[in-house]
C-alpha atoms as a PDB file:
ATOM      1  CA  MET A   1       6.339  -7.945 -19.847  1.00  0.00           C
ATOM      2  CA  GLY A   2       3.491  -5.793 -18.531  1.00  0.00           C
ATOM      3  CA  TYR A   3       3.370  -3.026 -15.988  1.00  0.00           C
ATOM      4  CA  GLU A   4       4.487  -4.302 -12.587  1.00  0.00           C
ATOM      5  CA  LEU A   5       2.855  -3.478  -9.268  1.00  0.00           C
ATOM      6  CA  ARG A   6       4.863  -4.369  -6.160  1.00  0.00           C
ATOM      7  CA  VAL A   7       3.841  -4.938  -2.568  1.00  0.00           C
ATOM      8  CA  LYS A   8       5.844  -2.556  -0.381  1.00  0.00           C
ATOM      9  CA  ARG A   9       6.049  -2.451   3.385  1.00  0.00           C
ATOM     10  CA  GLU A  10       8.397  -1.212   6.076  1.00  0.00           C
ATOM     11  CA  SER A  11       9.723  -4.662   6.919  1.00  0.00           C
ATOM     12  CA  PRO A  12      10.434  -7.296   4.264  1.00  0.00           C
ATOM     13  CA  LEU A  13       7.648  -9.792   3.666  1.00  0.00           C
ATOM     14  CA  ALA A  14       8.664 -13.338   4.599  1.00  0.00           C
ATOM     15  CA  TYR A  15       7.348 -16.266   2.587  1.00  0.00           C
ATOM     16  CA  ALA A  16       5.866 -17.888   5.723  1.00  0.00           C
ATOM     17  CA  GLU A  17       4.008 -14.665   6.492  1.00  0.00           C
ATOM     18  CA  LEU A  18       2.696 -14.556   2.911  1.00  0.00           C
ATOM     19  CA  ALA A  19       1.546 -18.176   3.162  1.00  0.00           C
ATOM     20  CA  ASN A  20      -0.370 -17.401   6.354  1.00  0.00           C
ATOM     21  CA  ALA A  21      -2.034 -14.294   4.866  1.00  0.00           C
ATOM     22  CA  VAL A  22      -2.952 -16.114   1.650  1.00  0.00           C
ATOM     23  CA  GLU A  23      -4.689 -18.857   3.585  1.00  0.00           C
ATOM     24  CA  ARG A  24      -6.652 -16.371   5.746  1.00  0.00           C
ATOM     25  CA  ALA A  25      -7.802 -14.368   2.701  1.00  0.00           C
ATOM     26  CA  GLY A  26      -8.904 -17.346   0.612  1.00  0.00           C
ATOM     27  CA  PHE A  27      -6.112 -17.133  -1.958  1.00  0.00           C
ATOM     28  CA  GLU A  28      -3.995 -20.087  -3.069  1.00  0.00           C
ATOM     29  CA  LEU A  29      -0.189 -20.143  -2.968  1.00  0.00           C
ATOM     30  CA  ARG A  30       1.610 -22.474  -5.358  1.00  0.00           C
ATOM     31  CA  GLY A  31       5.326 -23.061  -5.647  1.00  0.00           C
ATOM     32  CA  SER A  32       8.043 -22.578  -3.083  1.00  0.00           C
ATOM     33  CA  HIS A  33       9.852 -19.867  -1.158  1.00  0.00           C
ATOM     34  CA  GLU A  34      12.195 -19.466  -4.165  1.00  0.00           C
ATOM     35  CA  ALA A  35       9.463 -18.991  -6.778  1.00  0.00           C
ATOM     36  CA  GLY A  36       5.737 -19.113  -6.278  1.00  0.00           C
ATOM     37  CA  GLU A  37       2.464 -17.676  -7.465  1.00  0.00           C
ATOM     38  CA  VAL A  38      -0.644 -16.434  -5.706  1.00  0.00           C
ATOM     39  CA  PHE A  39      -3.990 -17.359  -7.252  1.00  0.00           C
ATOM     40  CA  ALA A  40      -7.496 -16.029  -6.635  1.00  0.00           C
ATOM     41  CA  ARG A  41     -10.662 -17.815  -7.649  1.00  0.00           C
ATOM     42  CA  HIS A  42     -13.527 -16.493  -9.677  1.00  0.00           C
ATOM     43  CA  GLY A  43     -16.208 -19.099 -10.149  1.00  0.00           C
ATOM     44  CA  GLU A  44     -14.564 -22.460 -10.740  1.00  0.00           C
ATOM     45  CA  GLU A  45     -11.310 -21.056 -12.130  1.00  0.00           C
ATOM     46  CA  ALA A  46      -8.130 -19.943 -10.365  1.00  0.00           C
ATOM     47  CA  HIS A  47      -6.340 -16.925 -11.830  1.00  0.00           C
ATOM     48  CA  ALA A  48      -2.759 -15.855 -11.089  1.00  0.00           C
ATOM     49  CA  VAL A  49      -2.645 -12.437  -9.447  1.00  0.00           C
ATOM     50  CA  ALA A  50       0.918 -12.202  -8.125  1.00  0.00           C
ATOM     51  CA  ALA A  51       4.331 -13.822  -8.254  1.00  0.00           C
ATOM     52  CA  TRP A  52       6.716 -14.424  -5.359  1.00  0.00           C
ATOM     53  CA  ARG A  53      10.424 -14.023  -6.029  1.00  0.00           C
ATOM     54  CA  ASP A  54      12.036 -12.521  -2.918  1.00  0.00           C
ATOM     55  CA  GLY A  55       9.028 -10.209  -2.846  1.00  0.00           C
ATOM     56  CA  LEU A  56       5.484 -10.042  -4.098  1.00  0.00           C
ATOM     57  CA  ALA A  57       4.546  -8.419  -7.407  1.00  0.00           C
ATOM     58  CA  GLY A  58       1.905  -8.668 -10.089  1.00  0.00           C
ATOM     59  CA  GLU A  59       1.332  -7.565 -13.658  1.00  0.00           C
ATOM     60  CA  PRO A  60      -2.433  -7.053 -13.702  1.00  0.00           C
ATOM     61  CA  ALA A  61      -4.415  -7.222 -16.922  1.00  0.00           C
ATOM     62  CA  SER A  62      -7.765  -6.329 -15.329  1.00  0.00           C
ATOM     63  CA  ASP A  63      -9.338  -4.201 -12.618  1.00  0.00           C
ATOM     64  CA  TRP A  64     -10.189  -7.499 -10.881  1.00  0.00           C
ATOM     65  CA  GLN A  65      -6.498  -8.392 -10.611  1.00  0.00           C
ATOM     66  CA  VAL A  66      -5.697  -4.926  -9.219  1.00  0.00           C
ATOM     67  CA  ALA A  67      -8.481  -5.355  -6.653  1.00  0.00           C
ATOM     68  CA  GLN A  68      -7.154  -8.803  -5.681  1.00  0.00           C
ATOM     69  CA  LEU A  69      -3.639  -7.375  -5.256  1.00  0.00           C
ATOM     70  CA  ILE A  70      -5.047  -4.638  -3.021  1.00  0.00           C
ATOM     71  CA  ARG A  71      -6.828  -7.274  -0.899  1.00  0.00           C
ATOM     72  CA  LEU A  72      -3.578  -9.192  -0.598  1.00  0.00           C
ATOM     73  CA  CYS A  73      -1.674  -6.039   0.398  1.00  0.00           C
ATOM     74  CA  GLU A  74      -4.191  -5.337   3.115  1.00  0.00           C
ATOM     75  CA  MET A  75      -3.666  -8.856   4.498  1.00  0.00           C
ATOM     76  CA  VAL A  76       0.125  -8.428   4.738  1.00  0.00           C
ATOM     77  CA  GLY A  77       0.094  -4.812   5.930  1.00  0.00           C
ATOM     78  CA  GLY A  78       1.632  -3.364   2.803  1.00  0.00           C
ATOM     79  CA  SER A  79       0.830  -0.971   0.019  1.00  0.00           C
ATOM     80  CA  LEU A  80       0.601  -1.610  -3.708  1.00  0.00           C
ATOM     81  CA  VAL A  81       2.996   0.598  -5.671  1.00  0.00           C
ATOM     82  CA  GLY A  82       3.438   0.933  -9.421  1.00  0.00           C
ATOM     83  CA  GLU A  83       6.662   1.361 -11.365  1.00  0.00           C
ATOM     84  CA  ASP A  84       6.130   5.142 -11.509  1.00  0.00           C
ATOM     85  CA  GLY A  85       5.490   5.485  -7.766  1.00  0.00           C
ATOM     86  CA  GLU A  86       1.697   5.614  -7.878  1.00  0.00           C
ATOM     87  CA  VAL A  87      -0.197   3.868  -5.086  1.00  0.00           C
ATOM     88  CA  TYR A  88      -3.206   1.586  -5.558  1.00  0.00           C
ATOM     89  CA  ALA A  89      -5.611   1.158  -2.643  1.00  0.00           C
ATOM     90  CA  ALA A  90      -9.223   0.756  -1.593  1.00  0.00           C
ATOM     91  CA  ARG A  91     -10.717   3.746   0.181  1.00  0.00           C
ATOM     92  CA  ASP A  92     -14.300   3.599   1.431  1.00  0.00           C
ATOM     93  CA  GLY A  93     -14.883   0.547  -0.771  1.00  0.00           C
ATOM     94  CA  ILE A  94     -13.571   2.268  -3.920  1.00  0.00           C
ATOM     95  CA  VAL A  95     -10.483   0.981  -5.757  1.00  0.00           C
ATOM     96  CA  GLU A  96      -8.280   3.898  -6.691  1.00  0.00           C
ATOM     97  CA  GLN A  97      -4.875   4.910  -7.977  1.00  0.00           C
ATOM     98  CA  VAL A  98      -3.209   7.957  -6.407  1.00  0.00           C
ATOM     99  CA  ASN A  99      -0.270   9.705  -8.046  1.00  0.00           C
ATOM    100  CA  ASN A 100       1.087  13.101  -7.001  1.00  0.00           C
ATOM    101  CA  GLY A 101      -2.145  13.965  -5.216  1.00  0.00           C
ATOM    102  CA  THR A 102      -4.350  13.071  -8.177  1.00  0.00           C
ATOM    103  CA  SER A 103      -6.792  10.200  -7.743  1.00  0.00           C
ATOM    104  CA  TYR A 104      -8.272   7.923 -10.415  1.00  0.00           C
ATOM    105  CA  GLU A 105     -11.163   5.679  -9.343  1.00  0.00           C
ATOM    106  CA  PHE A 106     -11.482   2.216 -10.874  1.00  0.00           C
ATOM    107  CA  GLY A 107     -14.863   1.530  -9.279  1.00  0.00           C
ATOM    108  CA  LYS A 108     -16.451  -0.180  -6.287  1.00  0.00           C
ATOM    109  CA  MET A 109     -14.390  -3.048  -4.883  1.00  0.00           C
ATOM    110  CA  ASP A 110     -17.348  -5.417  -4.512  1.00  0.00           C
ATOM    111  CA  GLU A 111     -18.543  -4.764  -8.082  1.00  0.00           C
ATOM    112  CA  ILE A 112     -15.050  -5.233  -9.529  1.00  0.00           C
ATOM    113  CA  LEU A 113     -14.590  -8.520  -7.658  1.00  0.00           C
ATOM    114  CA  ALA A 114     -18.025  -9.771  -8.737  1.00  0.00           C
ATOM    115  CA  ALA A 115     -17.355  -8.891 -12.404  1.00  0.00           C
ATOM    116  CA  GLY A 116     -14.284 -11.116 -12.527  1.00  0.00           C
ATOM    117  CA  PRO A 117     -11.035 -11.009 -14.436  1.00  0.00           C
ATOM    118  CA  ALA A 118     -12.166  -9.581 -17.787  1.00  0.00           C
ATOM    119  CA  GLN A 119      -8.990  -8.278 -19.384  1.00  0.00           C
ATOM    120  CA  TRP A 120      -8.486  -4.653 -20.315  1.00  0.00           C
ATOM    121  CA  SER A 121      -8.744  -3.933 -24.032  1.00  0.00           C
ATOM    122  CA  GLN A 122      -5.503  -2.956 -25.736  1.00  0.00           C
END
């Protein structure tokens, strides 16, 4: 199991609300309200970016997946939070992680999305 990032918001996210946001943002939702997955396309391929199990979470293996999760969070009015409490967001078109006031920039959102889901090296 990898490092999990969860979508957090003030009110719980309902599956129907997720389905509506996914459709508007060009993602694909597969499965059911008990267990589903959210996919994003790059080229001709669909890549899993999040899982639905009474909430939305992902275990990204690339900057592209983090960026897709941030896009999804924006669509549902939530924030993307890591296991250690850090927050992932896009600010002024830059994907970043903020933890205890310290910011780490991943890069420009549009460049990350264009590059695709190349996995991080171990």
